[in-house]
């Protein structure tokens, strides 16, 4: 996988997590643990993207 493909894959996953967080938040009884888990995953991806871009 090339660097550009990796970046694009991470951006796609980041966006999917954003959608998942939004959907969970809008549920009648959102699962706070699930939201926190999704946010942590999203932050890890954001950090990885930042590291790749720095290089």
Protein backbone atom coordinates (compact mmCIF):
# COMPACT_ATOMS: atom_id res chain seq x y z
CA UNK A 1 0.00 0.00 0.00
CA UNK A 2 1.46 3.33 -1.02
CA UNK A 3 1.60 6.28 1.35
CA UNK A 4 -1.18 8.09 -0.53
CA UNK A 5 -3.40 5.01 -0.33
CA UNK A 6 -2.71 4.70 3.40
CA UNK A 7 -3.60 8.36 3.97
CA UNK A 8 -6.80 8.00 1.95
CA UNK A 9 -7.77 4.83 3.85
CA UNK A 10 -7.21 6.57 7.17
CA UNK A 11 -9.27 9.58 6.07
CA UNK A 12 -12.08 7.27 4.98
CA UNK A 13 -12.04 5.42 8.29
CA UNK A 14 -11.92 8.74 10.18
CA UNK A 15 -15.03 9.92 8.32
CA UNK A 16 -16.83 6.61 8.96
CA UNK A 17 -16.10 6.92 12.68
CA UNK A 18 -17.43 10.47 12.64
CA UNK A 19 -20.68 9.20 11.13
CA UNK A 20 -20.87 6.36 13.65
CA UNK A 21 -20.39 8.79 16.54
CA UNK A 22 -23.12 11.05 15.16
CA UNK A 23 -25.52 8.11 14.75
CA UNK A 24 -24.86 6.81 18.26
CA UNK A 25 -25.25 10.28 19.75
CA UNK A 26 -28.64 10.73 18.06
CA UNK A 27 -30.07 7.43 19.33
CA UNK A 28 -32.79 7.67 22.01
CA UNK A 29 -30.47 6.03 24.58
CA UNK A 30 -26.89 6.53 23.39
CA UNK A 31 -24.22 4.22 24.75
CA UNK A 32 -21.64 6.48 26.38
CA UNK A 33 -19.05 3.70 26.44
CA UNK A 34 -19.48 3.11 22.69
CA UNK A 35 -19.22 6.84 21.96
CA UNK A 36 -16.02 7.09 24.02
CA UNK A 37 -14.56 4.07 22.24
CA UNK A 38 -15.37 5.49 18.81
CA UNK A 39 -13.87 8.86 19.76
CA UNK A 40 -10.65 7.17 20.94
CA UNK A 41 -10.39 5.29 17.64
CA UNK A 42 -10.98 8.52 15.73
CA UNK A 43 -8.28 10.31 17.75
CA UNK A 44 -5.78 7.48 17.10
CA UNK A 45 -6.41 7.81 13.37
CA UNK A 46 -6.07 11.59 13.52
CA UNK A 47 -2.75 11.22 15.36
CA UNK A 48 -1.53 8.66 12.82
CA UNK A 49 -2.47 10.98 9.95
CA UNK A 50 -0.63 13.86 11.62
CA UNK A 51 2.47 11.69 12.06
CA UNK A 52 2.43 10.60 8.43
CA UNK A 53 1.98 14.14 7.15
CA UNK A 54 4.88 15.39 9.33
CA UNK A 55 7.27 12.93 7.72
